[in-house]
Protein backbone atom coordinates (compact mmCIF):
# COMPACT_ATOMS: atom_id res chain seq x y z
CA MET A 1 -21.28 65.87 -26.57
CA ASN A 2 -22.94 68.98 -24.52
CA SER A 3 -21.86 71.80 -22.09
CA THR A 4 -23.08 69.16 -19.03
CA ASN A 5 -20.97 66.09 -19.96
CA LEU A 6 -18.24 68.46 -20.89
CA SER A 7 -17.99 69.65 -17.64
CA LEU A 8 -17.93 66.67 -15.88
CA PHE A 9 -15.82 64.72 -17.80
CA PHE A 10 -12.88 67.95 -16.32
CA ALA A 11 -14.50 67.80 -13.05
CA GLN A 12 -12.42 66.80 -10.54
CA ALA A 13 -13.31 66.46 -6.58
CA ALA A 14 -12.18 68.92 -4.17
CA PRO A 15 -10.76 67.28 -1.16
CA ALA A 16 -12.69 67.54 2.09
CA ALA A 17 -11.66 70.15 4.14
CA GLY A 18 -9.24 69.23 6.41
CA THR A 19 -8.32 66.20 4.95
CA THR A 20 -4.36 65.42 4.12
CA PRO A 21 -2.61 62.42 3.41
CA ALA A 22 -0.99 60.72 6.12
CA PRO A 23 2.22 61.48 6.71
CA TRP A 24 3.89 58.04 6.25
CA MET A 25 2.59 58.26 2.35
CA GLN A 26 4.52 61.05 1.98
CA TYR A 27 7.92 59.55 2.67
CA ALA A 28 6.79 56.30 0.66
CA PRO A 29 8.50 56.81 -2.49
CA LEU A 30 12.02 57.80 -0.59
CA LEU A 31 11.00 54.47 0.90
CA PHE A 32 11.03 52.46 -2.06
CA ILE A 33 13.74 54.43 -3.40
CA GLY A 34 15.91 53.18 -0.96
CA VAL A 35 15.32 49.62 -0.59
CA ILE A 36 15.56 49.58 -4.71
CA PHE A 37 19.49 50.98 -3.62
CA TYR A 38 20.13 48.45 -0.99
CA PHE A 39 18.95 45.28 -2.39
CA LEU A 40 20.85 46.69 -6.39
CA LEU A 41 24.07 48.76 -4.60
CA ILE A 42 24.80 48.42 -0.99
CA ARG A 43 24.01 44.53 -0.61
CA PRO A 44 26.11 43.10 -3.70
CA GLN A 45 28.92 45.33 -2.97
CA GLN A 46 28.91 43.77 0.88
CA LYS A 47 29.09 40.35 -0.47
CA GLN A 48 31.54 40.84 -2.46
CA ARG A 49 33.32 42.33 -0.11
CA LYS A 50 32.66 39.56 2.23
CA GLU A 51 34.18 37.13 -0.39
CA HIS A 52 37.42 39.23 -1.13
CA GLN A 53 37.90 39.44 2.49
CA ALA A 54 38.30 35.16 2.72
CA LEU A 55 40.17 35.09 -0.14
CA ILE A 56 42.31 37.28 1.02
CA ASN A 57 42.34 35.31 5.02
CA SER A 58 42.26 32.27 2.94
CA LEU A 59 45.39 32.89 1.08
CA LYS A 60 48.86 31.02 2.47
CA THR A 61 52.43 30.63 1.26
CA GLY A 62 52.68 28.82 -2.03
CA ASP A 63 49.30 30.25 -3.80
CA LYS A 64 49.56 31.44 -7.12
CA VAL A 65 47.70 34.81 -7.37
CA VAL A 66 46.91 37.87 -9.50
CA THR A 67 46.73 41.46 -8.20
CA SER A 68 44.53 44.02 -8.86
CA SER A 69 47.45 45.77 -11.97
CA GLY A 70 47.52 42.52 -13.46
CA ILE A 71 50.80 40.64 -11.44
CA HIS A 72 51.04 36.59 -11.67
CA GLY A 73 52.76 35.03 -8.42
CA MET A 74 53.44 32.68 -6.05
CA ILE A 75 53.17 33.93 -2.45
CA ALA A 76 56.94 33.32 -1.00
CA ASN A 77 55.43 34.69 2.25
CA VAL A 78 52.99 36.01 4.20
CA LYS A 79 52.77 39.27 6.78
CA GLU A 80 50.69 40.83 8.61
CA ASN A 81 49.22 43.60 6.10
CA THR A 82 51.61 41.99 2.76
CA PHE A 83 51.93 39.10 1.00
CA ILE A 84 55.23 38.80 -0.53
CA VAL A 85 55.02 37.71 -3.72
CA LYS A 86 57.54 35.79 -6.29
CA VAL A 87 57.92 36.58 -9.76
CA ALA A 88 60.44 35.53 -11.14
CA ASP A 89 63.61 33.33 -10.60
CA ASN A 90 65.34 35.84 -7.43
CA VAL A 91 62.42 38.90 -7.64
CA LYS A 92 60.92 39.18 -5.16
CA LEU A 93 57.56 42.09 -4.70
CA GLU A 94 55.73 43.38 -1.31
CA ILE A 95 52.26 43.48 -1.72
CA ASP A 96 49.44 45.23 0.37
CA LYS A 97 46.93 41.98 0.77
CA ALA A 98 44.01 44.49 -0.55
CA ALA A 99 45.76 44.21 -4.17
CA VAL A 100 45.60 40.61 -4.55
CA THR A 101 42.04 39.66 -6.64
CA GLY A 102 41.82 36.46 -6.97
CA LEU A 103 43.92 33.35 -7.25
CA ASP A 104 45.81 32.54 -10.90
CA LYS A 105 44.23 29.90 -12.35
CA GLY A 106 46.12 30.32 -15.67
CA GLY A 107 49.45 28.70 -13.57
CA GLU A 108 47.65 25.36 -12.12
CA GLU A 109 46.22 24.87 -15.84
CA LYS A 110 49.44 25.41 -17.37
CA ALA A 111 51.15 22.81 -14.64
CA ALA A 112 48.25 20.49 -15.39
CA ALA A 113 49.09 19.77 -18.75
């Protein structure tokens, strides 16, 4: 390889005088990352929150539920911000509505068997 070819190999084109990239191109990577965060983190969390709120709103007296602490029981009374959950004979707990994580599927299967 001679020196002319070598210098062409390493040569870089100098930008034209006064030419700068468009300002929005500087922010394109940040915008791209923001879109990725929205679709991978924020949107699924909002969907999960809506589903949980729909579950809480649909619960009524007699439903078997599981709390975030793992307590299984049956709703005995529904109040504005809390549930009264019956966990055993003569044992009732007042829990916050947000503490309910789901319906107790195991209790329904045991009763059917």
